[in-house]
């Protein structure tokens, strides 16, 4: 992805690095639920959010976009776009499988 941080509006960046693992995915899915179709946020994390991507795939299949902007090694940024009018299930919103070492 060619977009750099200077081109991303600050309100679109969702920095989850300081959020405890036990609630991180719930907050991410709450942000997802607040999006309208075509809107996005940029997830900023301290590790590759692969478990979260698996959750998005299971919940939304082709209804989301997942584009890496930065792939570590210290910071990972992923642009997550809502492509269909779908909401996260309550189970997804309470899952805590983020892969962080807490």
N, C-alpha and C. Protein backbone atom coordinates (compact mmCIF):
# COMPACT_ATOMS: atom_id res chain seq x y z
N UNK A 1 0.85 -1.17 0.00
CA UNK A 1 0.00 0.00 0.00
C UNK A 1 0.89 1.23 0.00
N UNK A 2 0.54 2.21 -0.79
CA UNK A 2 1.41 3.38 -0.95
C UNK A 2 1.09 4.52 0.01
N UNK A 3 0.04 4.42 0.75
CA UNK A 3 -0.37 5.50 1.66
C UNK A 3 0.61 5.59 2.82
N UNK A 4 1.07 6.81 3.14
CA UNK A 4 1.95 6.94 4.30
C UNK A 4 1.21 7.69 5.41
N UNK A 5 1.85 7.77 6.57
CA UNK A 5 1.19 8.37 7.74
C UNK A 5 0.76 9.81 7.51
N UNK A 6 1.50 10.57 6.71
CA UNK A 6 1.16 11.96 6.47
C UNK A 6 -0.16 12.08 5.72
N UNK A 7 -0.55 11.06 4.98
CA UNK A 7 -1.78 11.09 4.19
C UNK A 7 -2.98 10.55 4.96
N UNK A 8 -2.77 9.96 6.12
CA UNK A 8 -3.84 9.38 6.91
C UNK A 8 -4.32 10.40 7.93
N UNK A 9 -5.61 10.78 7.87
CA UNK A 9 -6.10 11.72 8.89
C UNK A 9 -5.96 11.12 10.30
N UNK A 10 -5.57 11.93 11.25
CA UNK A 10 -5.33 11.46 12.62
C UNK A 10 -6.55 10.76 13.21
N UNK A 11 -7.76 11.22 12.89
CA UNK A 11 -8.95 10.60 13.46
C UNK A 11 -9.21 9.19 12.91
N UNK A 12 -8.52 8.83 11.84
CA UNK A 12 -8.68 7.49 11.26
C UNK A 12 -7.75 6.46 11.92
N UNK A 13 -6.73 6.93 12.64
CA UNK A 13 -5.76 6.02 13.26
C UNK A 13 -6.28 5.56 14.62
N UNK A 14 -6.34 4.25 14.80
CA UNK A 14 -6.78 3.66 16.06
C UNK A 14 -5.58 2.92 16.65
N UNK A 15 -4.87 3.59 17.54
CA UNK A 15 -3.66 3.06 18.16
C UNK A 15 -4.07 2.17 19.33
N UNK A 16 -3.87 0.86 19.19
CA UNK A 16 -4.29 -0.08 20.23
C UNK A 16 -3.12 -0.63 21.04
N UNK A 17 -1.95 -0.05 20.88
CA UNK A 17 -0.76 -0.59 21.54
C UNK A 17 -0.86 -0.57 23.06
N UNK A 18 -1.56 0.39 23.64
CA UNK A 18 -1.65 0.49 25.10
C UNK A 18 -2.93 -0.12 25.67
N UNK A 19 -3.78 -0.67 24.82
CA UNK A 19 -5.04 -1.26 25.28
C UNK A 19 -4.77 -2.68 25.77
N UNK A 20 -5.23 -3.06 26.94
CA UNK A 20 -5.00 -4.42 27.45
C UNK A 20 -5.59 -5.47 26.50
N UNK A 21 -4.87 -6.56 26.36
CA UNK A 21 -5.28 -7.64 25.47
C UNK A 21 -6.70 -8.12 25.75
N UNK A 22 -7.09 -8.13 27.00
CA UNK A 22 -8.39 -8.68 27.38
C UNK A 22 -9.56 -7.90 26.78
N UNK A 23 -9.35 -6.65 26.39
CA UNK A 23 -10.44 -5.84 25.83
C UNK A 23 -10.13 -5.28 24.44
N UNK A 24 -8.94 -5.55 23.94
CA UNK A 24 -8.49 -4.95 22.68
C UNK A 24 -9.41 -5.30 21.52
N UNK A 25 -9.70 -6.58 21.32
CA UNK A 25 -10.53 -6.96 20.17
C UNK A 25 -11.94 -6.41 20.29
N UNK A 26 -12.48 -6.35 21.48
CA UNK A 26 -13.80 -5.77 21.67
C UNK A 26 -13.85 -4.32 21.22
N UNK A 27 -12.80 -3.57 21.54
CA UNK A 27 -12.75 -2.16 21.13
C UNK A 27 -12.56 -2.03 19.63
N UNK A 28 -11.78 -2.93 19.05
CA UNK A 28 -11.59 -2.91 17.60
C UNK A 28 -12.91 -3.19 16.88
N UNK A 29 -13.64 -4.21 17.35
CA UNK A 29 -14.91 -4.53 16.70
C UNK A 29 -15.97 -3.47 16.96
N UNK A 30 -15.91 -2.77 18.07
CA UNK A 30 -16.82 -1.64 18.31
C UNK A 30 -16.52 -0.54 17.29
N UNK A 31 -15.25 -0.29 17.03
CA UNK A 31 -14.88 0.71 16.02
C UNK A 31 -15.39 0.26 14.66
N UNK A 32 -15.22 -1.03 14.33
CA UNK A 32 -15.72 -1.58 13.07
C UNK A 32 -17.23 -1.37 12.95
N UNK A 33 -17.96 -1.68 14.01
CA UNK A 33 -19.42 -1.56 13.98
C UNK A 33 -19.87 -0.12 13.74
N UNK A 34 -19.04 0.85 14.12
CA UNK A 34 -19.42 2.25 13.95
C UNK A 34 -19.16 2.76 12.53
N UNK A 35 -18.46 1.99 11.71
CA UNK A 35 -18.16 2.42 10.35
C UNK A 35 -19.38 2.30 9.44
N UNK A 36 -19.44 3.17 8.45
CA UNK A 36 -20.40 3.01 7.37
C UNK A 36 -19.67 2.31 6.22
N UNK A 37 -20.44 1.74 5.29
CA UNK A 37 -19.83 1.04 4.16
C UNK A 37 -18.95 2.02 3.39
N UNK A 38 -17.74 1.59 3.10
CA UNK A 38 -16.76 2.41 2.40
C UNK A 38 -15.80 3.15 3.32
N UNK A 39 -16.14 3.22 4.60
CA UNK A 39 -15.29 3.91 5.56
C UNK A 39 -14.21 2.94 6.07
N UNK A 40 -13.23 3.48 6.76
CA UNK A 40 -12.11 2.67 7.24
C UNK A 40 -11.52 3.27 8.51
N UNK A 41 -10.67 2.47 9.14
CA UNK A 41 -9.77 2.98 10.17
C UNK A 41 -8.44 2.30 9.98
N UNK A 42 -7.40 2.89 10.52
CA UNK A 42 -6.06 2.31 10.44
C UNK A 42 -5.69 1.81 11.82
N UNK A 43 -5.56 0.52 11.94
CA UNK A 43 -5.17 -0.12 13.20
C UNK A 43 -3.66 0.01 13.36
N UNK A 44 -3.23 0.55 14.49
CA UNK A 44 -1.81 0.68 14.79
C UNK A 44 -1.51 -0.21 15.98
N UNK A 45 -0.59 -1.15 15.82
CA UNK A 45 -0.34 -2.16 16.84
C UNK A 45 1.16 -2.43 16.97
N UNK A 46 1.53 -3.11 18.05
CA UNK A 46 2.94 -3.44 18.27
C UNK A 46 3.30 -4.84 17.80
N UNK A 47 2.33 -5.56 17.22
CA UNK A 47 2.60 -6.88 16.64
C UNK A 47 1.67 -7.08 15.46
N UNK A 48 2.02 -8.02 14.61
CA UNK A 48 1.20 -8.31 13.44
C UNK A 48 -0.14 -8.87 13.91
N UNK A 49 -1.26 -8.24 13.58
CA UNK A 49 -2.56 -8.66 14.10
C UNK A 49 -3.18 -9.84 13.33
N UNK A 50 -2.41 -10.88 13.13
CA UNK A 50 -2.88 -12.05 12.38
C UNK A 50 -4.11 -12.69 13.02
N UNK A 51 -4.16 -12.91 14.35
CA UNK A 51 -5.38 -13.50 14.92
C UNK A 51 -6.62 -12.65 14.66
N UNK A 52 -6.46 -11.32 14.66
CA UNK A 52 -7.58 -10.43 14.35
C UNK A 52 -8.01 -10.62 12.91
N UNK A 53 -7.07 -10.78 12.02
CA UNK A 53 -7.43 -11.00 10.60
C UNK A 53 -8.22 -12.29 10.45
N UNK A 54 -7.84 -13.33 11.17
CA UNK A 54 -8.60 -14.57 11.11
C UNK A 54 -10.03 -14.35 11.59
N UNK A 55 -10.21 -13.52 12.62
CA UNK A 55 -11.55 -13.21 13.11
C UNK A 55 -12.35 -12.45 12.06
N UNK A 56 -11.71 -11.47 11.42
CA UNK A 56 -12.40 -10.73 10.37
C UNK A 56 -12.82 -11.65 9.23
N UNK A 57 -11.95 -12.56 8.85
CA UNK A 57 -12.27 -13.50 7.78
C UNK A 57 -13.45 -14.38 8.17
N UNK A 58 -13.47 -14.86 9.39
CA UNK A 58 -14.56 -15.72 9.86
C UNK A 58 -15.88 -14.95 9.96
N UNK A 59 -15.82 -13.69 10.38
CA UNK A 59 -17.03 -12.89 10.58
C UNK A 59 -17.57 -12.29 9.28
N UNK A 60 -16.67 -11.79 8.43
CA UNK A 60 -17.10 -10.93 7.33
C UNK A 60 -16.75 -11.43 5.93
N UNK A 61 -15.95 -12.46 5.81
CA UNK A 61 -15.52 -13.02 4.53
C UNK A 61 -15.05 -11.93 3.57
N UNK A 62 -15.84 -11.59 2.56
CA UNK A 62 -15.44 -10.57 1.58
C UNK A 62 -15.94 -9.18 1.93
N UNK A 63 -16.47 -8.98 3.11
CA UNK A 63 -17.07 -7.72 3.49
C UNK A 63 -16.11 -6.72 4.09
N UNK A 64 -14.82 -7.01 4.06
CA UNK A 64 -13.84 -6.10 4.64
C UNK A 64 -12.60 -6.03 3.76
N UNK A 65 -11.86 -4.96 3.89
CA UNK A 65 -10.56 -4.83 3.25
C UNK A 65 -9.48 -4.82 4.31
N UNK A 66 -8.36 -5.43 4.02
CA UNK A 66 -7.24 -5.52 4.96
C UNK A 66 -5.98 -5.19 4.19
N UNK A 67 -5.44 -3.99 4.38
CA UNK A 67 -4.27 -3.54 3.64
C UNK A 67 -3.19 -3.07 4.59
N UNK A 68 -2.05 -3.76 4.55
CA UNK A 68 -0.93 -3.34 5.39
C UNK A 68 -0.35 -2.03 4.88
N UNK A 69 -0.14 -1.11 5.80
CA UNK A 69 0.54 0.15 5.51
C UNK A 69 1.98 0.06 6.01
N UNK A 70 2.14 -0.57 7.17
CA UNK A 70 3.47 -0.75 7.78
C UNK A 70 3.51 -2.14 8.41
N UNK A 71 4.58 -2.89 8.11
CA UNK A 71 4.69 -4.27 8.60
C UNK A 71 5.91 -4.46 9.47
N UNK A 72 5.97 -3.74 10.57
CA UNK A 72 6.98 -3.97 11.58
C UNK A 72 8.36 -3.51 11.18
N UNK A 73 9.30 -3.90 12.00
CA UNK A 73 9.21 -4.90 13.07
C UNK A 73 8.66 -4.36 14.39
N UNK A 74 8.62 -3.04 14.57
CA UNK A 74 8.17 -2.48 15.85
C UNK A 74 6.71 -2.06 15.79
N UNK A 75 6.31 -1.44 14.70
CA UNK A 75 4.94 -0.96 14.53
C UNK A 75 4.31 -1.61 13.31
N UNK A 76 3.06 -2.01 13.47
CA UNK A 76 2.27 -2.57 12.38
C UNK A 76 1.05 -1.68 12.20
N UNK A 77 0.76 -1.32 10.96
CA UNK A 77 -0.43 -0.53 10.66
C UNK A 77 -1.20 -1.21 9.54
N UNK A 78 -2.51 -1.38 9.76
CA UNK A 78 -3.37 -2.03 8.79
C UNK A 78 -4.59 -1.16 8.55
N UNK A 79 -4.85 -0.87 7.29
CA UNK A 79 -6.07 -0.15 6.92
C UNK A 79 -7.19 -1.19 6.80
N UNK A 80 -8.22 -1.05 7.63
CA UNK A 80 -9.35 -1.98 7.65
C UNK A 80 -10.56 -1.21 7.12
N UNK A 81 -11.08 -1.67 5.98
CA UNK A 81 -12.18 -0.99 5.29
C UNK A 81 -13.45 -1.82 5.36
N UNK A 82 -14.55 -1.18 5.61
CA UNK A 82 -15.85 -1.86 5.63
C UNK A 82 -16.42 -1.85 4.21
N UNK A 83 -16.55 -3.04 3.62
CA UNK A 83 -17.02 -3.16 2.25
C UNK A 83 -18.48 -3.60 2.15
N UNK A 84 -19.07 -4.02 3.26
CA UNK A 84 -20.46 -4.47 3.27
C UNK A 84 -21.09 -4.08 4.60
N UNK A 85 -22.40 -3.96 4.60
CA UNK A 85 -23.14 -3.57 5.81
C UNK A 85 -23.23 -4.77 6.75
N UNK A 86 -22.17 -5.03 7.47
CA UNK A 86 -22.11 -6.15 8.40
C UNK A 86 -21.68 -5.63 9.76
N UNK A 87 -22.19 -6.27 10.80
CA UNK A 87 -21.82 -5.92 12.17
C UNK A 87 -21.13 -7.13 12.81
N UNK A 88 -20.21 -6.86 13.69
CA UNK A 88 -19.53 -7.92 14.43
C UNK A 88 -20.52 -8.58 15.37
N UNK A 89 -20.42 -9.90 15.48
CA UNK A 89 -21.26 -10.63 16.42
C UNK A 89 -20.83 -10.31 17.84
N UNK A 90 -21.71 -10.51 18.81
CA UNK A 90 -21.32 -10.29 20.21
C UNK A 90 -20.14 -11.18 20.61
N UNK A 91 -20.05 -12.37 20.05
CA UNK A 91 -18.94 -13.26 20.38
C UNK A 91 -17.61 -12.68 19.90
N UNK A 92 -17.59 -12.11 18.69
CA UNK A 92 -16.36 -11.51 18.17
C UNK A 92 -15.96 -10.32 19.02
N UNK A 93 -16.94 -9.54 19.43
CA UNK A 93 -16.66 -8.32 20.18
C UNK A 93 -16.10 -8.61 21.58
N UNK A 94 -16.30 -9.81 22.09
CA UNK A 94 -15.79 -10.14 23.42
C UNK A 94 -14.60 -11.09 23.37
N UNK A 95 -14.19 -11.51 22.19
CA UNK A 95 -13.05 -12.42 22.07
C UNK A 95 -11.77 -11.70 22.49
N UNK A 96 -10.84 -12.45 23.05
CA UNK A 96 -9.59 -11.82 23.49
C UNK A 96 -8.36 -12.55 22.96
N UNK A 97 -8.46 -13.08 21.76
CA UNK A 97 -7.34 -13.82 21.16
C UNK A 97 -6.50 -12.89 20.30
N UNK A 98 -5.84 -11.94 20.89
CA UNK A 98 -5.13 -10.96 20.10
C UNK A 98 -3.68 -11.36 19.80
N UNK A 99 -3.14 -12.33 20.48
CA UNK A 99 -1.79 -12.76 20.19
C UNK A 99 -0.71 -11.93 20.89
N UNK A 100 -1.11 -11.01 21.74
CA UNK A 100 -0.09 -10.22 22.44
C UNK A 100 0.38 -10.98 23.69
N UNK A 101 1.49 -10.55 24.18
CA UNK A 101 2.08 -11.25 25.32
C UNK A 101 1.76 -10.52 26.61
N UNK A 102 0.53 -10.64 27.04
CA UNK A 102 0.08 -9.98 28.28
C UNK A 102 -0.13 -11.01 29.36
